[in-house]
């Protein structure tokens, strides 16, 4: 049995989202999104076992790389919906079901490239936005409306969270 204290579920803590717009927090998140593709490539470079689960019952390193691509692709589309529609109801997706589709067994390089080009576009878009645009609303099923500025903050955390999980798994398993 793998010691979950070594590979804790939230190695950087849970996401901390301000209760109101914070330009510095949004700017820092955008910079983190800009840095993520290189950080992700670096953390998987030379990995000798991409199919190693990061802990018992968890996804493999390969699955996490593909999950980041899937998740951030959805976040990019959600950002654009929030900017172009009136309080759109965003579509959720079953992350576990997506992780079981055949493309999740592919080499990680296509997903690393996807994250790279996707983040170039997303960061360019985010850097162009003003306060009014960041305040545009979106809704998740069963939830109140939320502002678009939450996207960069949540997904910057999401990327760092999974990069740290991979880093710790590689260190722990010597891979």
N, C-alpha and C. Protein backbone atom coordinates (compact mmCIF):
# COMPACT_ATOMS: atom_id res chain seq x y z
N UNK A 1 0.84 -1.19 0.00
CA UNK A 1 0.00 0.00 0.00
C UNK A 1 0.89 1.25 0.00
N UNK A 2 0.53 2.21 -0.83
CA UNK A 2 1.29 3.44 -0.94
C UNK A 2 0.85 4.40 0.16
N UNK A 3 1.83 5.02 0.80
CA UNK A 3 1.55 5.97 1.88
C UNK A 3 1.03 7.27 1.29
N UNK A 4 -0.26 7.54 1.50
CA UNK A 4 -0.89 8.74 0.95
C UNK A 4 -0.30 10.01 1.56
N UNK A 5 0.30 9.91 2.76
CA UNK A 5 0.91 11.10 3.34
C UNK A 5 2.11 11.56 2.51
N UNK A 6 2.78 10.63 1.83
CA UNK A 6 3.90 11.01 0.97
C UNK A 6 3.38 11.68 -0.29
N UNK A 7 2.34 11.13 -0.85
CA UNK A 7 1.76 11.66 -2.09
C UNK A 7 0.35 12.16 -1.81
N UNK A 8 0.28 13.20 -1.02
CA UNK A 8 -1.03 13.71 -0.63
C UNK A 8 -1.85 14.14 -1.84
N UNK A 9 -3.13 14.12 -1.66
CA UNK A 9 -4.05 14.44 -2.75
C UNK A 9 -3.89 15.89 -3.22
N UNK A 10 -3.71 16.81 -2.30
CA UNK A 10 -3.57 18.23 -2.65
C UNK A 10 -2.21 18.74 -2.20
N UNK A 11 -1.15 18.42 -2.92
CA UNK A 11 0.20 18.76 -2.45
C UNK A 11 0.47 20.26 -2.37
N UNK A 12 -0.29 21.08 -3.08
CA UNK A 12 -0.10 22.53 -2.96
C UNK A 12 -1.29 23.17 -2.24
N UNK A 13 -2.12 22.34 -1.63
CA UNK A 13 -3.33 22.82 -0.97
C UNK A 13 -4.46 22.94 -1.97
N UNK A 14 -5.64 23.17 -1.46
CA UNK A 14 -6.81 23.34 -2.33
C UNK A 14 -6.78 24.74 -2.95
N UNK A 15 -7.48 24.90 -4.04
CA UNK A 15 -7.52 26.19 -4.74
C UNK A 15 -8.06 27.28 -3.82
N UNK A 16 -7.39 28.41 -3.85
CA UNK A 16 -7.81 29.58 -3.08
C UNK A 16 -8.29 30.65 -4.07
N UNK A 17 -9.59 30.86 -4.10
CA UNK A 17 -10.18 31.83 -5.03
C UNK A 17 -10.67 33.03 -4.23
N UNK A 18 -10.20 34.23 -4.56
CA UNK A 18 -10.67 35.41 -3.82
C UNK A 18 -12.18 35.57 -3.94
N UNK A 19 -12.77 36.23 -2.97
CA UNK A 19 -14.22 36.43 -2.99
C UNK A 19 -14.63 37.54 -3.97
N UNK A 20 -13.67 38.37 -4.34
CA UNK A 20 -13.95 39.42 -5.32
C UNK A 20 -12.74 39.59 -6.23
N UNK A 21 -12.94 40.32 -7.32
CA UNK A 21 -11.88 40.52 -8.30
C UNK A 21 -10.62 41.07 -7.65
N UNK A 22 -9.49 40.45 -7.94
CA UNK A 22 -8.18 40.88 -7.45
C UNK A 22 -7.24 40.86 -8.65
N UNK A 23 -6.94 42.04 -9.18
CA UNK A 23 -6.14 42.14 -10.40
C UNK A 23 -4.79 41.46 -10.25
N UNK A 24 -4.16 41.60 -9.08
CA UNK A 24 -2.85 40.96 -8.88
C UNK A 24 -2.96 39.44 -8.92
N UNK A 25 -4.01 38.90 -8.31
CA UNK A 25 -4.21 37.45 -8.31
C UNK A 25 -4.49 36.95 -9.72
N UNK A 26 -5.27 37.69 -10.48
CA UNK A 26 -5.57 37.30 -11.86
C UNK A 26 -4.30 37.37 -12.71
N UNK A 27 -3.52 38.44 -12.56
CA UNK A 27 -2.27 38.56 -13.32
C UNK A 27 -1.30 37.43 -12.99
N UNK A 28 -1.19 37.10 -11.71
CA UNK A 28 -0.30 36.00 -11.30
C UNK A 28 -0.78 34.68 -11.89
N UNK A 29 -2.08 34.49 -11.92
CA UNK A 29 -2.64 33.26 -12.48
C UNK A 29 -2.37 33.17 -13.98
N UNK A 30 -2.50 34.28 -14.67
CA UNK A 30 -2.23 34.29 -16.11
C UNK A 30 -0.76 33.95 -16.36
N UNK A 31 0.13 34.49 -15.56
CA UNK A 31 1.55 34.17 -15.71
C UNK A 31 1.81 32.69 -15.42
N UNK A 32 1.10 32.14 -14.44
CA UNK A 32 1.24 30.71 -14.15
C UNK A 32 0.74 29.86 -15.31
N UNK A 33 -0.35 30.28 -15.94
CA UNK A 33 -0.86 29.57 -17.12
C UNK A 33 0.14 29.66 -18.27
N UNK A 34 0.82 30.79 -18.39
CA UNK A 34 1.82 30.95 -19.43
C UNK A 34 3.01 30.01 -19.21
N UNK A 35 3.37 29.82 -17.95
CA UNK A 35 4.53 28.98 -17.61
C UNK A 35 4.21 27.48 -17.61
N UNK A 36 2.94 27.13 -17.49
CA UNK A 36 2.57 25.73 -17.32
C UNK A 36 3.08 24.79 -18.42
N UNK A 37 2.96 25.12 -19.70
CA UNK A 37 3.42 24.16 -20.71
C UNK A 37 4.87 23.73 -20.52
N UNK A 38 5.75 24.68 -20.25
CA UNK A 38 7.17 24.35 -20.04
C UNK A 38 7.35 23.54 -18.77
N UNK A 39 6.62 23.89 -17.72
CA UNK A 39 6.73 23.15 -16.45
C UNK A 39 6.24 21.72 -16.62
N UNK A 40 5.17 21.53 -17.37
CA UNK A 40 4.63 20.19 -17.59
C UNK A 40 5.61 19.35 -18.41
N UNK A 41 6.16 19.94 -19.48
CA UNK A 41 7.15 19.22 -20.29
C UNK A 41 8.35 18.82 -19.44
N UNK A 42 8.80 19.74 -18.60
CA UNK A 42 9.97 19.48 -17.77
C UNK A 42 9.70 18.36 -16.76
N UNK A 43 8.54 18.36 -16.14
CA UNK A 43 8.27 17.38 -15.08
C UNK A 43 8.10 15.97 -15.63
N UNK A 44 7.73 15.83 -16.90
CA UNK A 44 7.60 14.48 -17.47
C UNK A 44 8.83 14.06 -18.28
N UNK A 45 9.72 15.00 -18.57
CA UNK A 45 10.90 14.68 -19.38
C UNK A 45 11.72 13.57 -18.73
N UNK A 46 12.01 12.55 -19.50
CA UNK A 46 12.85 11.45 -19.02
C UNK A 46 12.14 10.48 -18.10
N UNK A 47 10.85 10.63 -17.90
CA UNK A 47 10.11 9.71 -17.02
C UNK A 47 10.19 8.30 -17.60
N UNK A 48 10.55 7.34 -16.77
CA UNK A 48 10.73 5.96 -17.23
C UNK A 48 9.47 5.12 -17.12
N UNK A 49 8.42 5.64 -16.48
CA UNK A 49 7.18 4.88 -16.38
C UNK A 49 5.99 5.83 -16.30
N UNK A 50 5.52 6.25 -17.44
CA UNK A 50 4.37 7.17 -17.49
C UNK A 50 3.08 6.52 -17.04
N UNK A 51 3.06 5.20 -16.98
CA UNK A 51 1.85 4.49 -16.57
C UNK A 51 1.79 4.22 -15.07
N UNK A 52 2.74 4.77 -14.34
CA UNK A 52 2.75 4.64 -12.88
C UNK A 52 1.65 5.53 -12.29
N UNK A 53 0.69 4.93 -11.56
CA UNK A 53 -0.28 5.79 -10.85
C UNK A 53 0.46 6.67 -9.84
N UNK A 54 -0.02 7.88 -9.66
CA UNK A 54 0.66 8.78 -8.74
C UNK A 54 0.49 8.35 -7.29
N UNK A 55 -0.53 7.57 -7.02
CA UNK A 55 -0.74 6.94 -5.71
C UNK A 55 -1.79 5.85 -5.93
N UNK A 56 -2.01 5.04 -4.95
CA UNK A 56 -2.96 3.94 -5.09
C UNK A 56 -4.35 4.47 -5.42
N UNK A 57 -4.96 3.90 -6.45
CA UNK A 57 -6.31 4.29 -6.84
C UNK A 57 -6.39 5.57 -7.64
N UNK A 58 -5.25 6.16 -7.96
CA UNK A 58 -5.24 7.44 -8.69
C UNK A 58 -4.83 7.22 -10.15
N UNK A 59 -4.93 8.28 -10.92
CA UNK A 59 -4.53 8.23 -12.32
C UNK A 59 -3.03 8.09 -12.45
N UNK A 60 -2.62 7.61 -13.61
CA UNK A 60 -1.20 7.52 -13.94
C UNK A 60 -0.68 8.90 -14.36
N UNK A 61 0.63 9.00 -14.46
CA UNK A 61 1.24 10.23 -14.95
C UNK A 61 0.73 10.52 -16.37
N UNK A 62 0.69 9.50 -17.21
CA UNK A 62 0.18 9.67 -18.58
C UNK A 62 -1.26 10.22 -18.55
N UNK A 63 -2.10 9.62 -17.72
CA UNK A 63 -3.49 10.05 -17.64
C UNK A 63 -3.60 11.50 -17.17
N UNK A 64 -2.73 11.91 -16.24
CA UNK A 64 -2.77 13.30 -15.76
C UNK A 64 -2.39 14.28 -16.87
N UNK A 65 -1.39 13.93 -17.67
CA UNK A 65 -1.00 14.83 -18.77
C UNK A 65 -2.17 14.99 -19.74
N UNK A 66 -2.80 13.89 -20.10
CA UNK A 66 -3.95 13.98 -21.01
C UNK A 66 -5.12 14.72 -20.35
N UNK A 67 -5.31 14.51 -19.06
CA UNK A 67 -6.38 15.20 -18.32
C UNK A 67 -6.16 16.72 -18.32
N UNK A 68 -4.93 17.15 -18.12
CA UNK A 68 -4.65 18.59 -18.15
C UNK A 68 -5.03 19.16 -19.51
N UNK A 69 -4.66 18.48 -20.58
CA UNK A 69 -5.02 18.96 -21.92
C UNK A 69 -6.54 19.02 -22.07
N UNK A 70 -7.24 17.97 -21.68
CA UNK A 70 -8.70 17.94 -21.79
C UNK A 70 -9.34 19.05 -20.95
N UNK A 71 -8.92 19.16 -19.72
CA UNK A 71 -9.52 20.10 -18.79
C UNK A 71 -9.28 21.55 -19.22
N UNK A 72 -8.06 21.86 -19.61
CA UNK A 72 -7.74 23.24 -19.98
C UNK A 72 -8.36 23.61 -21.32
N UNK A 73 -8.55 22.62 -22.20
CA UNK A 73 -9.27 22.87 -23.45
C UNK A 73 -10.71 23.26 -23.13
N UNK A 74 -11.33 22.57 -22.20
CA UNK A 74 -12.69 22.92 -21.78
C UNK A 74 -12.72 24.30 -21.14
N UNK A 75 -11.73 24.62 -20.32
CA UNK A 75 -11.69 25.92 -19.66
C UNK A 75 -11.53 27.06 -20.67
N UNK A 76 -10.73 26.83 -21.69
CA UNK A 76 -10.55 27.83 -22.75
C UNK A 76 -11.89 28.10 -23.44
N UNK A 77 -12.60 27.05 -23.80
CA UNK A 77 -13.90 27.21 -24.45
C UNK A 77 -14.87 27.91 -23.49
N UNK A 78 -14.85 27.54 -22.24
CA UNK A 78 -15.74 28.17 -21.26
C UNK A 78 -15.44 29.66 -21.12
N UNK A 79 -14.16 30.01 -21.15
CA UNK A 79 -13.77 31.42 -21.09
C UNK A 79 -14.37 32.17 -22.28
N UNK A 80 -14.24 31.60 -23.46
CA UNK A 80 -14.77 32.26 -24.65
C UNK A 80 -16.30 32.36 -24.60
N UNK A 81 -16.95 31.34 -24.09
CA UNK A 81 -18.41 31.40 -23.94
C UNK A 81 -18.81 32.53 -22.99
N UNK A 82 -18.11 32.65 -21.87
CA UNK A 82 -18.42 33.70 -20.91
C UNK A 82 -18.23 35.09 -21.52
N UNK A 83 -17.28 35.21 -22.43
CA UNK A 83 -17.00 36.51 -23.05
C UNK A 83 -17.95 36.86 -24.19
N UNK A 84 -18.60 35.86 -24.76
CA UNK A 84 -19.39 36.11 -25.97
C UNK A 84 -20.88 35.84 -25.83
N UNK A 85 -21.30 35.25 -24.71
CA UNK A 85 -22.71 34.96 -24.51
C UNK A 85 -23.15 35.55 -23.17
N UNK A 86 -24.44 35.71 -23.01
CA UNK A 86 -24.97 36.24 -21.76
C UNK A 86 -25.14 35.13 -20.74
N UNK A 87 -24.30 35.14 -19.73
CA UNK A 87 -24.36 34.19 -18.62
C UNK A 87 -24.62 32.75 -19.10
N UNK A 88 -23.72 32.23 -19.95
CA UNK A 88 -23.96 30.89 -20.51
C UNK A 88 -23.91 29.80 -19.44
N UNK A 89 -24.71 28.79 -19.66
CA UNK A 89 -24.66 27.58 -18.85
C UNK A 89 -23.58 26.71 -19.47
N UNK A 90 -22.50 26.49 -18.75
CA UNK A 90 -21.40 25.72 -19.32
C UNK A 90 -21.70 24.23 -19.26
N UNK A 91 -21.13 23.53 -20.18
CA UNK A 91 -21.29 22.08 -20.27
C UNK A 91 -20.25 21.42 -19.38
N UNK A 92 -20.71 20.53 -18.52
CA UNK A 92 -19.77 19.74 -17.73
C UNK A 92 -19.38 18.51 -18.55
N UNK A 93 -18.39 17.78 -18.07
CA UNK A 93 -18.01 16.54 -18.73
C UNK A 93 -17.53 15.55 -17.68
N UNK A 94 -17.59 14.30 -18.01
CA UNK A 94 -17.21 13.22 -17.10
C UNK A 94 -15.72 12.94 -17.29
N UNK A 95 -14.90 13.52 -16.41
CA UNK A 95 -13.45 13.39 -16.52
C UNK A 95 -13.00 11.93 -16.50
N UNK A 96 -13.62 11.13 -15.67
CA UNK A 96 -13.25 9.72 -15.57
C UNK A 96 -13.56 9.00 -16.88
N UNK A 97 -14.74 9.24 -17.44
CA UNK A 97 -15.10 8.61 -18.71
C UNK A 97 -14.14 9.06 -19.82
N UNK A 98 -13.79 10.35 -19.83
CA UNK A 98 -12.85 10.84 -20.84
C UNK A 98 -11.51 10.13 -20.68
N UNK A 99 -11.09 9.89 -19.43
CA UNK A 99 -9.78 9.26 -19.19
C UNK A 99 -9.75 7.81 -19.64
N UNK A 100 -10.90 7.23 -19.89
CA UNK A 100 -10.97 5.83 -20.31
C UNK A 100 -11.09 5.68 -21.83
N UNK A 101 -11.16 6.78 -22.55
CA UNK A 101 -11.22 6.71 -24.01
C UNK A 101 -9.83 6.39 -24.56
N UNK A 102 -9.79 5.82 -25.74
CA UNK A 102 -8.56 5.29 -26.32
C UNK A 102 -7.45 6.33 -26.45
N UNK A 103 -7.80 7.59 -26.69
CA UNK A 103 -6.75 8.60 -26.86
C UNK A 103 -5.98 8.86 -25.58
N UNK A 104 -6.50 8.43 -24.45
CA UNK A 104 -5.78 8.61 -23.18
C UNK A 104 -4.63 7.63 -23.01
N UNK A 105 -4.53 6.65 -23.90
CA UNK A 105 -3.42 5.71 -23.86
C UNK A 105 -2.29 6.12 -24.81
N UNK A 106 -2.49 7.19 -25.54
CA UNK A 106 -1.49 7.67 -26.50
C UNK A 106 -0.23 8.14 -25.78
N UNK A 107 0.85 8.31 -26.52
CA UNK A 107 2.01 8.99 -25.95
C UNK A 107 1.60 10.38 -25.46
N UNK A 108 2.35 10.93 -24.52
CA UNK A 108 1.98 12.23 -23.95
C UNK A 108 2.34 13.42 -24.84
N UNK A 109 3.22 13.23 -25.80
CA UNK A 109 3.69 14.36 -26.60
C UNK A 109 2.57 15.15 -27.28
N UNK A 110 1.58 14.51 -27.89
CA UNK A 110 0.50 15.32 -28.47
C UNK A 110 -0.23 16.19 -27.44
N UNK A 111 -0.43 15.67 -26.24
CA UNK A 111 -1.10 16.48 -25.21
C UNK A 111 -0.19 17.59 -24.71
N UNK A 112 1.12 17.33 -24.63
CA UNK A 112 2.06 18.39 -24.24
C UNK A 112 2.04 19.51 -25.28
N UNK A 113 2.01 19.15 -26.56
CA UNK A 113 1.93 20.15 -27.62
C UNK A 113 0.60 20.89 -27.58
N UNK A 114 -0.48 20.16 -27.32
CA UNK A 114 -1.80 20.78 -27.23
C UNK A 114 -1.84 21.80 -26.10
N UNK A 115 -1.32 21.44 -24.94
CA UNK A 115 -1.28 22.37 -23.82
C UNK A 115 -0.47 23.61 -24.20
N UNK A 116 0.64 23.41 -24.89
CA UNK A 116 1.49 24.52 -25.29
C UNK A 116 0.75 25.50 -26.20
N UNK A 117 0.19 25.02 -27.30
CA UNK A 117 -0.47 25.94 -28.24
C UNK A 117 -1.78 26.48 -27.66
N UNK A 118 -2.48 25.67 -26.92
CA UNK A 118 -3.72 26.13 -26.28
C UNK A 118 -3.43 27.27 -25.32
N UNK A 119 -2.40 27.12 -24.50
CA UNK A 119 -2.06 28.16 -23.53
C UNK A 119 -1.56 29.43 -24.21
N UNK A 120 -0.90 29.30 -25.35
CA UNK A 120 -0.51 30.51 -26.08
C UNK A 120 -1.74 31.33 -26.44
N UNK A 121 -2.76 30.66 -26.94
CA UNK A 121 -3.99 31.36 -27.33
C UNK A 121 -4.74 31.87 -26.10
N UNK A 122 -4.88 31.02 -25.08
CA UNK A 122 -5.64 31.38 -23.89
C UNK A 122 -5.00 32.56 -23.17
N UNK A 123 -3.68 32.50 -22.99
CA UNK A 123 -2.97 33.58 -22.30
C UNK A 123 -3.06 34.87 -23.10
N UNK A 124 -2.93 34.79 -24.41
CA UNK A 124 -3.09 35.99 -25.25
C UNK A 124 -4.47 36.61 -25.02
N UNK A 125 -5.49 35.78 -25.03
CA UNK A 125 -6.85 36.26 -24.79
C UNK A 125 -6.97 36.88 -23.40
N UNK A 126 -6.53 36.16 -22.38
CA UNK A 126 -6.66 36.63 -21.00
C UNK A 126 -5.93 37.95 -20.77
N UNK A 127 -4.74 38.09 -21.35
CA UNK A 127 -3.97 39.33 -21.18
C UNK A 127 -4.65 40.53 -21.84
N UNK A 128 -5.54 40.28 -22.77
CA UNK A 128 -6.22 41.38 -23.48
C UNK A 128 -7.45 41.89 -22.74
N UNK A 129 -7.88 41.17 -21.71
CA UNK A 129 -9.15 41.49 -21.06
C UNK A 129 -9.03 42.60 -20.03
N UNK A 130 -10.07 43.41 -19.96
CA UNK A 130 -10.18 44.42 -18.92
C UNK A 130 -11.10 43.94 -17.81
N UNK A 131 -11.21 44.74 -16.79
CA UNK A 131 -12.01 44.37 -15.62
C UNK A 131 -13.44 44.02 -16.00
N UNK A 132 -14.06 44.81 -16.86
CA UNK A 132 -15.45 44.54 -17.25
C UNK A 132 -15.60 43.17 -17.90
N UNK A 133 -14.64 42.82 -18.74
CA UNK A 133 -14.71 41.51 -19.40
C UNK A 133 -14.50 40.37 -18.40
N UNK A 134 -13.59 40.57 -17.46
CA UNK A 134 -13.38 39.55 -16.43
C UNK A 134 -14.60 39.37 -15.53
N UNK A 135 -15.42 40.40 -15.44
CA UNK A 135 -16.62 40.32 -14.60
C UNK A 135 -17.80 39.65 -15.32
N UNK A 136 -17.65 39.36 -16.61
CA UNK A 136 -18.74 38.67 -17.32
C UNK A 136 -19.02 37.34 -16.63
N UNK A 137 -20.29 36.97 -16.64
CA UNK A 137 -20.75 35.82 -15.85
C UNK A 137 -20.91 34.55 -16.68
N UNK A 138 -20.80 33.43 -16.01
CA UNK A 138 -21.11 32.11 -16.55
C UNK A 138 -21.75 31.32 -15.43
N UNK A 139 -22.43 30.25 -15.79
CA UNK A 139 -23.09 29.42 -14.79
C UNK A 139 -22.72 27.96 -15.00
N UNK A 140 -22.54 27.27 -13.90
CA UNK A 140 -22.39 25.82 -13.93
C UNK A 140 -23.74 25.23 -13.55
N UNK A 141 -24.04 24.03 -14.02
CA UNK A 141 -25.33 23.42 -13.65
C UNK A 141 -25.51 23.38 -12.13
N UNK A 142 -26.65 23.87 -11.67
CA UNK A 142 -26.97 23.84 -10.26
C UNK A 142 -26.23 24.85 -9.40
N UNK A 143 -25.57 25.83 -10.03
CA UNK A 143 -24.79 26.81 -9.26
C UNK A 143 -25.18 28.22 -9.67
N UNK A 144 -24.84 29.17 -8.81
CA UNK A 144 -25.07 30.58 -9.11
C UNK A 144 -24.09 31.05 -10.19
N UNK A 145 -24.39 32.19 -10.78
CA UNK A 145 -23.50 32.78 -11.78
C UNK A 145 -22.16 33.14 -11.12
N UNK A 146 -21.10 33.00 -11.91
CA UNK A 146 -19.74 33.29 -11.43
C UNK A 146 -19.02 34.13 -12.47
N UNK A 147 -18.05 34.95 -12.04
CA UNK A 147 -17.33 35.80 -13.00
C UNK A 147 -16.22 35.04 -13.73
N UNK A 148 -15.91 35.51 -14.93
CA UNK A 148 -14.89 34.87 -15.77
C UNK A 148 -13.50 34.94 -15.16
N UNK A 149 -13.22 35.90 -14.27
CA UNK A 149 -11.88 35.99 -13.69
C UNK A 149 -11.54 34.76 -12.85
N UNK A 150 -12.53 33.96 -12.49
CA UNK A 150 -12.25 32.73 -11.74
C UNK A 150 -11.50 31.70 -12.58
N UNK A 151 -11.73 31.71 -13.90
CA UNK A 151 -11.11 30.70 -14.75
C UNK A 151 -9.58 30.69 -14.64
N UNK A 152 -8.89 31.81 -14.88
CA UNK A 152 -7.43 31.73 -14.78
C UNK A 152 -6.95 31.32 -13.39
N UNK A 153 -7.63 31.78 -12.36
CA UNK A 153 -7.20 31.42 -11.00
C UNK A 153 -7.37 29.93 -10.75
N UNK A 154 -8.52 29.39 -11.11
CA UNK A 154 -8.77 27.96 -10.88
C UNK A 154 -7.84 27.07 -11.71
N UNK A 155 -7.65 27.43 -12.97
CA UNK A 155 -6.86 26.54 -13.83
C UNK A 155 -5.36 26.74 -13.67
N UNK A 156 -4.93 27.88 -13.19
CA UNK A 156 -3.51 28.02 -12.82
C UNK A 156 -3.23 27.08 -11.64
N UNK A 157 -4.13 27.09 -10.66
CA UNK A 157 -3.99 26.15 -9.54
C UNK A 157 -4.03 24.71 -10.05
N UNK A 158 -4.98 24.41 -10.91
CA UNK A 158 -5.15 23.05 -11.43
C UNK A 158 -3.86 22.55 -12.08
N UNK A 159 -3.25 23.37 -12.90
CA UNK A 159 -2.01 22.97 -13.55
C UNK A 159 -0.88 22.75 -12.55
N UNK A 160 -0.69 23.70 -11.64
CA UNK A 160 0.37 23.56 -10.63
C UNK A 160 0.14 22.33 -9.76
N UNK A 161 -1.11 22.10 -9.41
CA UNK A 161 -1.51 20.96 -8.58
C UNK A 161 -1.06 19.64 -9.23
N UNK A 162 -1.38 19.47 -10.50
CA UNK A 162 -1.03 18.21 -11.16
C UNK A 162 0.47 18.12 -11.46
N UNK A 163 1.12 19.22 -11.78
CA UNK A 163 2.57 19.19 -11.97
C UNK A 163 3.25 18.74 -10.68
N UNK A 164 2.80 19.25 -9.57
CA UNK A 164 3.40 18.86 -8.28
C UNK A 164 3.09 17.40 -7.96
N UNK A 165 1.90 16.93 -8.27
CA UNK A 165 1.60 15.51 -8.06
C UNK A 165 2.54 14.63 -8.88
N UNK A 166 2.77 15.01 -10.12
CA UNK A 166 3.68 14.24 -10.98
C UNK A 166 5.10 14.30 -10.43
N UNK A 167 5.54 15.49 -10.04
CA UNK A 167 6.90 15.64 -9.50
C UNK A 167 7.10 14.75 -8.29
N UNK A 168 6.14 14.76 -7.38
CA UNK A 168 6.25 13.95 -6.16
C UNK A 168 6.20 12.46 -6.47
N UNK A 169 5.35 12.06 -7.42
CA UNK A 169 5.28 10.64 -7.79
C UNK A 169 6.61 10.19 -8.39
N UNK A 170 7.18 10.99 -9.26
CA UNK A 170 8.47 10.62 -9.88
C UNK A 170 9.55 10.50 -8.81
N UNK A 171 9.56 11.43 -7.89
CA UNK A 171 10.55 11.38 -6.82
C UNK A 171 10.33 10.15 -5.94
N UNK A 172 9.10 9.90 -5.56
CA UNK A 172 8.77 8.79 -4.67
C UNK A 172 9.09 7.44 -5.30
N UNK A 173 8.74 7.27 -6.57
CA UNK A 173 8.91 5.98 -7.24
C UNK A 173 10.24 5.87 -7.98
N UNK A 174 11.02 6.94 -7.99
CA UNK A 174 12.31 6.90 -8.67
C UNK A 174 12.18 6.72 -10.17
N UNK A 175 11.19 7.35 -10.74
CA UNK A 175 10.96 7.20 -12.18
C UNK A 175 11.16 8.53 -12.88
